[in-house]
Amino acid sequence: MALDNGQAIAAHVYEPEGTPRASAIVSCAMGVTQRFYSLFAQWLASQGYRAITFDYRGIGLSAPRSLRGFEVDVIGWARQDCAAAINYAREKLPGKPLYWIGHSLGGQLLGLIPNREQIDRVVTIATGSGYWRQNSWRTKRIVWWLWFVVAPLATKLFGYFPGKRIRKVGDLPKGVIAQWRRWCLTRDYVVGAEGEAVRAAYASVRIPMLALSFTDDEMMSAQAVRSMHALYAAAPVEYRRIAPHDVGVPRIGHFGFFRPEFAQTLWPIATEWLERDGIERRCGRDM
């Protein structure tokens, strides 16, 4: 998938049988490759959607042989990589709805995407502010060590963040970890770190959203979920907070939604909402 700057990102398109009812872009969490979402994307295709996954530059199949010296940051991912995915989806399936399904970081980036107005509806999954004081308690206990010791030292030593070696997040370009660290140490996260123009951009987003979150998420607290979506001040947001016992399982967590055992329980929540005609301005159910 070509970018405006002449670079490219790796993407995969999952085609349904017959004419697609809509396009659905699945946007990855921080450090997670598109391969993680392949079964969910296949299921979306089985429901009639043209599902598109992609790797941000520096991640998965969009990574160079070495991340040392590779230049990109999170804003670049939004303004170029995500924008390219939207343009591609619109070009390949004009006249049909375009949906955005963002996991964690994938739901945080909308205010930074220049062509976001092309999106008809959004489902965010386990998306919340990364501000460290709003992390779930399990993450809050150790995240100060990541931001003040591990990330700065490891990045300086390797020239990138070697997440695979230390079993945290995944390998990330230097610009990505530096920018993300700054966001996570700032009270209002991305808009606090990047200034009033970015705050205004987030506040101008008007796309209807469903925010799915989970009571046992080891990273995102209920407060973090609310804080992040509050940045989308003009968007109608419906919140649904789900406990594992609601769907008869012992655990869901930050990544569990995309496991195939939830194809009959959690996955249809997203598609049924995407196809729904109306949405209330705000719904604070179960949070």
C-alpha atoms as a PDB file:
ATOM      1  CA  MET A   1       0.000   0.000   0.000  1.00  0.00           C
ATOM      2  CA  ALA A   2       1.693   3.209  -1.175  1.00  0.00           C
ATOM      3  CA  LEU A   3       2.103   6.316   0.980  1.00  0.00           C
ATOM      4  CA  ASP A   4       2.256   9.910  -0.191  1.00  0.00           C
ATOM      5  CA  ASN A   5       5.960  10.085   0.709  1.00  0.00           C
ATOM      6  CA  GLY A   6       6.873   7.241  -1.647  1.00  0.00           C
ATOM      7  CA  GLN A   7       7.220   4.635   1.083  1.00  0.00           C
ATOM      8  CA  ALA A   8       4.895   1.673   1.435  1.00  0.00           C
ATOM      9  CA  ILE A   9       3.231  -0.403   4.139  1.00  0.00           C
ATOM     10  CA  ALA A  10       2.277  -4.056   4.070  1.00  0.00           C
ATOM     11  CA  ALA A  11      -1.454  -4.745   4.039  1.00  0.00           C
ATOM     12  CA  HIS A  12      -3.759  -7.718   3.558  1.00  0.00           C
ATOM     13  CA  VAL A  13      -7.271  -7.677   2.124  1.00  0.00           C
ATOM     14  CA  TYR A  14      -9.807 -10.334   3.114  1.00  0.00           C
ATOM     15  CA  GLU A  15     -12.507 -10.577   0.446  1.00  0.00           C
ATOM     16  CA  PRO A  16     -16.042 -11.804   1.133  1.00  0.00           C
ATOM     17  CA  GLU A  17     -18.010 -14.009  -1.199  1.00  0.00           C
ATOM     18  CA  GLY A  18     -20.109 -11.837  -3.453  1.00  0.00           C
ATOM     19  CA  THR A  19     -20.347  -8.064  -3.322  1.00  0.00           C
ATOM     20  CA  PRO A  20     -18.975  -6.545  -0.095  1.00  0.00           C
ATOM     21  CA  ARG A  21     -21.507  -4.780   2.097  1.00  0.00           C
ATOM     22  CA  ALA A  22     -18.825  -2.409   3.452  1.00  0.00           C
ATOM     23  CA  SER A  23     -15.110  -1.986   4.040  1.00  0.00           C
ATOM     24  CA  ALA A  24     -13.738  -2.570   7.539  1.00  0.00           C
ATOM     25  CA  ILE A  25     -10.212  -1.465   8.430  1.00  0.00           C
ATOM     26  CA  VAL A  26      -8.675  -3.149  11.478  1.00  0.00           C
ATOM     27  CA  SER A  27      -6.059  -0.876  13.052  1.00  0.00           C
ATOM     28  CA  CYS A  28      -3.424  -2.460  15.301  1.00  0.00           C
ATOM     29  CA  ALA A  29      -2.437  -1.873  18.901  1.00  0.00           C
ATOM     30  CA  MET A  30       1.042  -0.592  19.724  1.00  0.00           C
ATOM     31  CA  GLY A  31       3.705  -3.110  18.735  1.00  0.00           C
ATOM     32  CA  VAL A  32       1.173  -5.667  17.459  1.00  0.00           C
ATOM     33  CA  THR A  33       1.354  -6.985  13.900  1.00  0.00           C
ATOM     34  CA  GLN A  34      -1.580  -7.351  11.533  1.00  0.00           C
ATOM     35  CA  ARG A  35      -1.188 -11.123  11.690  1.00  0.00           C
ATOM     36  CA  PHE A  36      -2.667 -11.051  15.207  1.00  0.00           C
ATOM     37  CA  TYR A  37      -5.983  -9.886  13.709  1.00  0.00           C
ATOM     38  CA  SER A  38      -6.136 -12.338  10.800  1.00  0.00           C
ATOM     39  CA  LEU A  39      -8.795 -14.663  12.232  1.00  0.00           C
ATOM     40  CA  PHE A  40     -11.014 -11.732  13.140  1.00  0.00           C
ATOM     41  CA  ALA A  41     -10.525 -10.260   9.654  1.00  0.00           C
ATOM     42  CA  GLN A  42     -11.415 -13.610   8.085  1.00  0.00           C
ATOM     43  CA  TRP A  43     -14.572 -13.661  10.175  1.00  0.00           C
ATOM     44  CA  LEU A  44     -15.441 -10.123   9.043  1.00  0.00           C
ATOM     45  CA  ALA A  45     -15.092 -11.313   5.441  1.00  0.00           C
ATOM     46  CA  SER A  46     -17.420 -14.228   6.198  1.00  0.00           C
ATOM     47  CA  GLN A  47     -19.978 -11.631   7.355  1.00  0.00           C
ATOM     48  CA  GLY A  48     -19.795  -9.809   4.031  1.00  0.00           C
ATOM     49  CA  TYR A  49     -17.163  -7.160   4.755  1.00  0.00           C
ATOM     50  CA  ARG A  50     -14.018  -6.413   2.785  1.00  0.00           C
ATOM     51  CA  ALA A  51     -11.627  -6.480   5.743  1.00  0.00           C
ATOM     52  CA  ILE A  52      -8.273  -4.716   5.552  1.00  0.00           C
ATOM     53  CA  THR A  53      -5.369  -5.117   7.965  1.00  0.00           C
ATOM     54  CA  PHE A  54      -1.997  -3.380   7.764  1.00  0.00           C
ATOM     55  CA  ASP A  55       1.292  -3.012   9.614  1.00  0.00           C
ATOM     56  CA  TYR A  56       2.478   0.436  10.629  1.00  0.00           C
ATOM     57  CA  ARG A  57       5.917   1.331   9.327  1.00  0.00           C
ATOM     58  CA  GLY A  58       8.566  -0.288  11.500  1.00  0.00           C
ATOM     59  CA  ILE A  59       6.209  -3.088  12.578  1.00  0.00           C
ATOM     60  CA  GLY A  60       5.764  -6.617  11.202  1.00  0.00           C
ATOM     61  CA  LEU A  61       5.946  -6.838   7.428  1.00  0.00           C
ATOM     62  CA  SER A  62       6.366  -3.059   7.192  1.00  0.00           C
ATOM     63  CA  ALA A  63       9.638  -3.129   9.133  1.00  0.00           C
ATOM     64  CA  PRO A  64      13.109  -2.849   7.594  1.00  0.00           C
ATOM     65  CA  ARG A  65      15.805  -5.402   8.405  1.00  0.00           C
ATOM     66  CA  SER A  66      17.023  -3.148  11.204  1.00  0.00           C
ATOM     67  CA  LEU A  67      15.146  -0.463  13.116  1.00  0.00           C
ATOM     68  CA  ARG A  68      18.374   1.293  14.029  1.00  0.00           C
ATOM     69  CA  GLY A  69      18.191   4.672  12.319  1.00  0.00           C
ATOM     70  CA  PHE A  70      14.689   4.047  10.956  1.00  0.00           C
ATOM     71  CA  GLU A  71      12.713   7.286  11.301  1.00  0.00           C
ATOM     72  CA  VAL A  72       8.975   7.368  11.977  1.00  0.00           C
ATOM     73  CA  ASP A  73       6.778   8.386  14.905  1.00  0.00           C
ATOM     74  CA  VAL A  74       3.204   7.751  16.010  1.00  0.00           C
ATOM     75  CA  ILE A  75       1.886  10.898  14.351  1.00  0.00           C
ATOM     76  CA  GLY A  76       3.449   9.691  11.101  1.00  0.00           C
ATOM     77  CA  TRP A  77       1.611   6.395  11.494  1.00  0.00           C
ATOM     78  CA  ALA A  78      -1.683   8.282  11.746  1.00  0.00           C
ATOM     79  CA  ARG A  79      -1.141  10.960   9.117  1.00  0.00           C
ATOM     80  CA  GLN A  80       0.399   8.681   6.500  1.00  0.00           C
ATOM     81  CA  ASP A  81      -0.124   4.965   7.235  1.00  0.00           C
ATOM     82  CA  CYS A  82      -3.706   5.177   8.493  1.00  0.00           C
ATOM     83  CA  ALA A  83      -4.585   7.779   5.872  1.00  0.00           C
ATOM     84  CA  ALA A  84      -3.271   5.484   3.135  1.00  0.00           C
ATOM     85  CA  ALA A  85      -5.414   2.613   4.393  1.00  0.00           C
ATOM     86  CA  ILE A  86      -8.513   4.828   4.300  1.00  0.00           C
ATOM     87  CA  ASN A  87      -7.742   6.087   0.796  1.00  0.00           C
ATOM     88  CA  TYR A  88      -7.170   2.538  -0.412  1.00  0.00           C
ATOM     89  CA  ALA A  89     -10.438   1.289   1.078  1.00  0.00           C
ATOM     90  CA  ARG A  90     -12.433   4.139  -0.445  1.00  0.00           C
ATOM     91  CA  GLU A  91     -10.808   3.715  -3.837  1.00  0.00           C
ATOM     92  CA  LYS A  92     -11.432  -0.026  -3.968  1.00  0.00           C
ATOM     93  CA  LEU A  93     -15.014   0.105  -2.690  1.00  0.00           C
ATOM     94  CA  PRO A  94     -16.551   3.511  -3.452  1.00  0.00           C
ATOM     95  CA  GLY A  95     -20.105   4.207  -2.465  1.00  0.00           C
ATOM     96  CA  LYS A  96     -20.163   1.678   0.399  1.00  0.00           C
ATOM     97  CA  PRO A  97     -19.731   2.351   4.122  1.00  0.00           C
ATOM     98  CA  LEU A  98     -16.238   2.442   5.559  1.00  0.00           C
ATOM     99  CA  TYR A  99     -15.775   1.279   9.136  1.00  0.00           C
ATOM    100  CA  TRP A 100     -12.757   1.617  11.412  1.00  0.00           C
ATOM    101  CA  ILE A 101     -12.111  -1.025  14.087  1.00  0.00           C
ATOM    102  CA  GLY A 102      -9.272   0.191  16.280  1.00  0.00           C
ATOM    103  CA  HIS A 103      -7.590  -1.917  18.943  1.00  0.00           C
ATOM    104  CA  SER A 104      -6.001   0.122  21.739  1.00  0.00           C
ATOM    105  CA  LEU A 105      -3.686   2.548  19.874  1.00  0.00           C
ATOM    106  CA  GLY A 106      -5.769   1.971  16.738  1.00  0.00           C
ATOM    107  CA  GLY A 107      -8.644   3.746  18.457  1.00  0.00           C
ATOM    108  CA  GLN A 108      -6.458   6.531  19.848  1.00  0.00           C
ATOM    109  CA  LEU A 109      -5.261   7.869  16.507  1.00  0.00           C
ATOM    110  CA  LEU A 110      -8.464   9.171  14.918  1.00  0.00           C
ATOM    111  CA  GLY A 111      -7.890  12.804  15.818  1.00  0.00           C
ATOM    112  CA  LEU A 112      -4.562  12.711  13.997  1.00  0.00           C
ATOM    113  CA  ILE A 113      -5.782  11.115  10.750  1.00  0.00           C
ATOM    114  CA  PRO A 114      -6.251  13.822   8.099  1.00  0.00           C
ATOM    115  CA  ASN A 115      -8.919  12.019   6.062  1.00  0.00           C
ATOM    116  CA  ARG A 116     -10.889  10.625   9.000  1.00  0.00           C
ATOM    117  CA  GLU A 117     -14.092  12.211   7.671  1.00  0.00           C
ATOM    118  CA  GLN A 118     -14.229   9.383   5.122  1.00  0.00           C
ATOM    119  CA  ILE A 119     -14.959   6.927   7.957  1.00  0.00           C
ATOM    120  CA  ASP A 120     -18.646   6.257   8.624  1.00  0.00           C
ATOM    121  CA  ARG A 121     -18.447   4.476  11.975  1.00  0.00           C
ATOM    122  CA  VAL A 122     -15.836   3.462  14.511  1.00  0.00           C
ATOM    123  CA  VAL A 123     -15.541   0.629  17.013  1.00  0.00           C
ATOM    124  CA  THR A 124     -12.741   1.018  19.543  1.00  0.00           C
ATOM    125  CA  ILE A 125     -11.642  -2.073  21.434  1.00  0.00           C
ATOM    126  CA  ALA A 126      -9.739  -1.791  24.728  1.00  0.00           C
ATOM    127  CA  THR A 127      -8.897   1.824  23.841  1.00  0.00           C
ATOM    128  CA  GLY A 128      -8.051   4.258  26.594  1.00  0.00           C
ATOM    129  CA  SER A 129      -5.656   7.013  27.483  1.00  0.00           C
ATOM    130  CA  GLY A 130      -2.100   5.803  27.988  1.00  0.00           C
ATOM    131  CA  TYR A 131      -1.465   8.375  30.722  1.00  0.00           C
ATOM    132  CA  TRP A 132       0.350   6.284  33.288  1.00  0.00           C
ATOM    133  CA  ARG A 133      -1.623   7.413  36.340  1.00  0.00           C
ATOM    134  CA  GLN A 134      -4.794   6.135  34.647  1.00  0.00           C
ATOM    135  CA  ASN A 135      -3.416   2.704  33.778  1.00  0.00           C
ATOM    136  CA  SER A 136      -5.028  -0.344  35.354  1.00  0.00           C
ATOM    137  CA  TRP A 137      -3.439  -1.096  38.707  1.00  0.00           C
ATOM    138  CA  ARG A 138      -1.521  -4.117  37.373  1.00  0.00           C
ATOM    139  CA  THR A 139       0.248  -1.946  34.785  1.00  0.00           C
ATOM    140  CA  LYS A 140       0.606   1.084  37.030  1.00  0.00           C
ATOM    141  CA  ARG A 141       2.762  -0.929  39.451  1.00  0.00           C
ATOM    142  CA  ILE A 142       5.522  -1.391  36.867  1.00  0.00           C
ATOM    143  CA  VAL A 143       5.040   1.241  34.163  1.00  0.00           C
ATOM    144  CA  TRP A 144       7.184   3.864  35.908  1.00  0.00           C
ATOM    145  CA  TRP A 145      10.101   1.430  35.558  1.00  0.00           C
ATOM    146  CA  LEU A 146       9.405   1.177  31.816  1.00  0.00           C
ATOM    147  CA  TRP A 147       9.190   4.920  31.201  1.00  0.00           C
ATOM    148  CA  PHE A 148      11.940   6.176  33.471  1.00  0.00           C
ATOM    149  CA  VAL A 149      14.503   3.367  33.248  1.00  0.00           C
ATOM    150  CA  VAL A 150      13.964   0.639  30.653  1.00  0.00           C
ATOM    151  CA  ALA A 151      12.770   2.642  27.630  1.00  0.00           C
ATOM    152  CA  PRO A 152      15.365   5.444  27.790  1.00  0.00           C
ATOM    153  CA  LEU A 153      18.323   3.136  28.463  1.00  0.00           C
ATOM    154  CA  ALA A 154      17.372   0.398  25.994  1.00  0.00           C
ATOM    155  CA  THR A 155      16.608   2.879  23.212  1.00  0.00           C
ATOM    156  CA  LYS A 156      19.915   4.676  23.718  1.00  0.00           C
ATOM    157  CA  LEU A 157      21.820   1.376  23.678  1.00  0.00           C
ATOM    158  CA  PHE A 158      20.152  -0.215  20.637  1.00  0.00           C
ATOM    159  CA  GLY A 159      19.034   2.800  18.617  1.00  0.00           C
ATOM    160  CA  TYR A 160      15.439   1.559  18.811  1.00  0.00           C
ATOM    161  CA  PHE A 161      13.240   0.011  21.512  1.00  0.00           C
ATOM    162  CA  PRO A 162      14.085  -3.748  21.652  1.00  0.00           C
ATOM    163  CA  GLY A 163      10.762  -4.846  23.070  1.00  0.00           C
ATOM    164  CA  LYS A 164      11.073  -8.435  21.889  1.00  0.00           C
ATOM    165  CA  ARG A 165      14.328  -8.910  23.794  1.00  0.00           C
ATOM    166  CA  ILE A 166      12.882  -7.614  27.034  1.00  0.00           C
ATOM    167  CA  ARG A 167       9.378  -8.995  26.458  1.00  0.00           C
ATOM    168  CA  LYS A 168       7.625  -5.632  26.597  1.00  0.00           C
ATOM    169  CA  VAL A 169       5.346  -4.288  23.847  1.00  0.00           C
ATOM    170  CA  GLY A 170       7.532  -5.352  20.881  1.00  0.00           C
ATOM    171  CA  ASP A 171      10.286  -3.750  18.832  1.00  0.00           C
ATOM    172  CA  LEU A 172       9.517  -0.097  18.108  1.00  0.00           C
ATOM    173  CA  PRO A 173      11.301   2.629  16.118  1.00  0.00           C
ATOM    174  CA  LYS A 174      13.113   5.228  18.212  1.00  0.00           C
ATOM    175  CA  GLY A 175      10.717   8.022  17.219  1.00  0.00           C
ATOM    176  CA  VAL A 176       7.678   5.937  18.128  1.00  0.00           C
ATOM    177  CA  ILE A 177       8.812   4.994  21.635  1.00  0.00           C
ATOM    178  CA  ALA A 178      10.010   8.547  22.347  1.00  0.00           C
ATOM    179  CA  GLN A 179       6.707  10.120  21.313  1.00  0.00           C
ATOM    180  CA  TRP A 180       4.570   7.482  22.997  1.00  0.00           C
ATOM    181  CA  ARG A 181       6.583   7.847  26.220  1.00  0.00           C
ATOM    182  CA  ARG A 182       5.963  11.601  26.183  1.00  0.00           C
ATOM    183  CA  TRP A 183       2.232  11.052  25.703  1.00  0.00           C
ATOM    184  CA  CYS A 184       2.052   8.514  28.508  1.00  0.00           C
ATOM    185  CA  LEU A 185       3.777  10.875  30.934  1.00  0.00           C
ATOM    186  CA  THR A 186       1.397  13.747  30.102  1.00  0.00           C
ATOM    187  CA  ARG A 187      -1.926  14.104  31.916  1.00  0.00           C
ATOM    188  CA  ASP A 188      -4.082  14.690  28.826  1.00  0.00           C
ATOM    189  CA  TYR A 189      -2.079  12.149  26.827  1.00  0.00           C
ATOM    190  CA  VAL A 190      -1.735  12.997  23.121  1.00  0.00           C
ATOM    191  CA  VAL A 191      -3.518  16.360  23.245  1.00  0.00           C
ATOM    192  CA  GLY A 192      -1.618  17.446  26.338  1.00  0.00           C
ATOM    193  CA  ALA A 193       1.715  16.525  24.785  1.00  0.00           C
ATOM    194  CA  GLU A 194       1.082  17.837  21.267  1.00  0.00           C
ATOM    195  CA  GLY A 195      -0.698  21.125  21.981  1.00  0.00           C
ATOM    196  CA  GLU A 196      -3.900  23.000  21.309  1.00  0.00           C
ATOM    197  CA  ALA A 197      -4.082  22.365  17.558  1.00  0.00           C
ATOM    198  CA  VAL A 198      -4.147  18.627  18.197  1.00  0.00           C
ATOM    199  CA  ARG A 199      -6.648  19.046  21.032  1.00  0.00           C
ATOM    200  CA  ALA A 200      -8.930  20.926  18.633  1.00  0.00           C
ATOM    201  CA  ALA A 201      -8.512  18.236  15.985  1.00  0.00           C
ATOM    202  CA  TYR A 202      -9.657  15.545  18.422  1.00  0.00           C
ATOM    203  CA  ALA A 203     -12.555  17.699  19.589  1.00  0.00           C
ATOM    204  CA  SER A 204     -13.717  18.106  15.987  1.00  0.00           C
ATOM    205  CA  VAL A 205     -14.168  14.367  15.354  1.00  0.00           C
ATOM    206  CA  ARG A 206     -17.875  13.649  14.846  1.00  0.00           C
ATOM    207  CA  ILE A 207     -17.847  10.000  13.804  1.00  0.00           C
ATOM    208  CA  PRO A 208     -20.219   7.754  15.810  1.00  0.00           C
ATOM    209  CA  MET A 209     -18.256   5.394  18.044  1.00  0.00           C
ATOM    210  CA  LEU A 210     -18.777   2.253  20.068  1.00  0.00           C
ATOM    211  CA  ALA A 211     -16.214   1.927  22.863  1.00  0.00           C
ATOM    212  CA  LEU A 212     -15.841  -1.693  23.957  1.00  0.00           C
ATOM    213  CA  SER A 213     -13.806  -2.235  27.108  1.00  0.00           C
ATOM    214  CA  PHE A 214     -13.309  -5.055  29.584  1.00  0.00           C
ATOM    215  CA  THR A 215     -13.319  -5.118  33.369  1.00  0.00           C
ATOM    216  CA  ASP A 216     -10.233  -7.349  33.534  1.00  0.00           C
ATOM    217  CA  ASP A 217      -8.134  -5.317  31.087  1.00  0.00           C
ATOM    218  CA  GLU A 218      -4.640  -5.364  32.562  1.00  0.00           C
ATOM    219  CA  MET A 219      -3.736  -2.055  30.880  1.00  0.00           C
ATOM    220  CA  MET A 220      -6.791   0.167  30.429  1.00  0.00           C
ATOM    221  CA  SER A 221      -8.865   1.206  33.425  1.00  0.00           C
ATOM    222  CA  ALA A 222     -12.435   2.447  33.126  1.00  0.00           C
ATOM    223  CA  GLN A 223     -11.112   5.947  33.861  1.00  0.00           C
ATOM    224  CA  ALA A 224      -8.601   5.680  31.007  1.00  0.00           C
ATOM    225  CA  VAL A 225     -11.313   4.583  28.579  1.00  0.00           C
ATOM    226  CA  ARG A 226     -13.504   7.546  29.524  1.00  0.00           C
ATOM    227  CA  SER A 227     -10.605  10.009  29.388  1.00  0.00           C
ATOM    228  CA  MET A 228      -9.548   8.966  25.909  1.00  0.00           C
ATOM    229  CA  HIS A 229     -13.004   9.093  24.389  1.00  0.00           C
ATOM    230  CA  ALA A 230     -13.732  12.413  26.095  1.00  0.00           C
ATOM    231  CA  LEU A 231     -11.110  13.890  23.774  1.00  0.00           C
ATOM    232  CA  TYR A 232     -13.559  13.124  20.927  1.00  0.00           C
ATOM    233  CA  ALA A 233     -15.789  15.800  22.391  1.00  0.00           C
ATOM    234  CA  ALA A 234     -18.149  16.152  19.397  1.00  0.00           C
ATOM    235  CA  ALA A 235     -18.487  12.446  18.632  1.00  0.00           C
ATOM    236  CA  PRO A 236     -21.472  10.381  19.765  1.00  0.00           C
ATOM    237  CA  VAL A 237     -19.947   7.612  21.864  1.00  0.00           C
ATOM    238  CA  GLU A 238     -21.671   4.535  23.242  1.00  0.00           C
ATOM    239  CA  TYR A 239     -19.769   2.770  26.005  1.00  0.00           C
ATOM    240  CA  ARG A 240     -20.065  -0.936  26.698  1.00  0.00           C
ATOM    241  CA  ARG A 241     -17.952  -2.395  29.477  1.00  0.00           C
ATOM    242  CA  ILE A 242     -17.952  -6.167  29.512  1.00  0.00           C
ATOM    243  CA  ALA A 243     -16.948  -8.547  32.303  1.00  0.00           C
ATOM    244  CA  PRO A 244     -15.662 -12.050  31.507  1.00  0.00           C
ATOM    245  CA  HIS A 245     -18.617 -13.641  33.334  1.00  0.00           C
ATOM    246  CA  ASP A 246     -20.962 -11.760  30.964  1.00  0.00           C
ATOM    247  CA  VAL A 247     -19.832 -14.110  28.189  1.00  0.00           C
ATOM    248  CA  GLY A 248     -19.103 -17.163  30.346  1.00  0.00           C
ATOM    249  CA  VAL A 249     -15.297 -17.074  30.361  1.00  0.00           C
ATOM    250  CA  PRO A 250     -12.687 -16.569  33.091  1.00  0.00           C
ATOM    251  CA  ARG A 251     -10.697 -13.932  31.209  1.00  0.00           C
ATOM    252  CA  ILE A 252     -10.783 -11.469  28.290  1.00  0.00           C
ATOM    253  CA  GLY A 253      -8.088  -8.909  29.076  1.00  0.00           C
ATOM    254  CA  HIS A 254      -6.526  -6.328  26.786  1.00  0.00           C
ATOM    255  CA  PHE A 255      -5.977  -8.699  23.863  1.00  0.00           C
ATOM    256  CA  GLY A 256      -8.604 -11.390  24.327  1.00  0.00           C
ATOM    257  CA  PHE A 257     -11.376  -9.908  22.175  1.00  0.00           C
ATOM    258  CA  PHE A 258      -9.602 -11.138  19.035  1.00  0.00           C
ATOM    259  CA  ARG A 259      -9.364 -14.774  20.111  1.00  0.00           C
ATOM    260  CA  PRO A 260     -11.539 -17.077  17.959  1.00  0.00           C
ATOM    261  CA  GLU A 261     -13.509 -18.388  20.931  1.00  0.00           C
ATOM    262  CA  PHE A 262     -15.309 -15.035  20.979  1.00  0.00           C
ATOM    263  CA  ALA A 263     -16.613 -15.341  17.414  1.00  0.00           C
ATOM    264  CA  GLN A 264     -20.084 -16.163  18.725  1.00  0.00           C
ATOM    265  CA  THR A 265     -20.200 -13.728  21.633  1.00  0.00           C
ATOM    266  CA  LEU A 266     -18.016 -10.609  21.357  1.00  0.00           C
ATOM    267  CA  TRP A 267     -17.351 -10.288  17.634  1.00  0.00           C
ATOM    268  CA  PRO A 268     -21.032  -9.890  16.670  1.00  0.00           C
ATOM    269  CA  ILE A 269     -21.353  -6.967  19.106  1.00  0.00           C
ATOM    270  CA  ALA A 270     -19.095  -4.937  16.831  1.00  0.00           C
ATOM    271  CA  THR A 271     -20.778  -5.779  13.534  1.00  0.00           C
ATOM    272  CA  GLU A 272     -24.318  -5.470  14.877  1.00  0.00           C
ATOM    273  CA  TRP A 273     -23.495  -1.977  16.128  1.00  0.00           C
ATOM    274  CA  LEU A 274     -21.831  -1.009  12.849  1.00  0.00           C
ATOM    275  CA  GLU A 275     -24.998  -1.933  10.987  1.00  0.00           C
ATOM    276  CA  ARG A 276     -27.301  -0.145  13.395  1.00  0.00           C
ATOM    277  CA  ASP A 277     -29.138   2.852  11.948  1.00  0.00           C
ATOM    278  CA  GLY A 278     -29.228   5.119  14.975  1.00  0.00           C
ATOM    279  CA  ILE A 279     -27.099   5.991  17.972  1.00  0.00           C
ATOM    280  CA  GLU A 280     -27.800   8.009  21.076  1.00  0.00           C
ATOM    281  CA  ARG A 281     -25.613  11.060  21.708  1.00  0.00           C
ATOM    282  CA  ARG A 282     -24.055   9.555  24.823  1.00  0.00           C
ATOM    283  CA  CYS A 283     -24.683   6.324  26.664  1.00  0.00           C
ATOM    284  CA  GLY A 284     -22.865   5.639  29.923  1.00  0.00           C
ATOM    285  CA  ARG A 285     -24.014   2.045  30.344  1.00  0.00           C
ATOM    286  CA  ASP A 286     -22.176  -0.029  32.940  1.00  0.00           C
ATOM    287  CA  MET A 287     -19.243   2.335  33.468  1.00  0.00           C
END
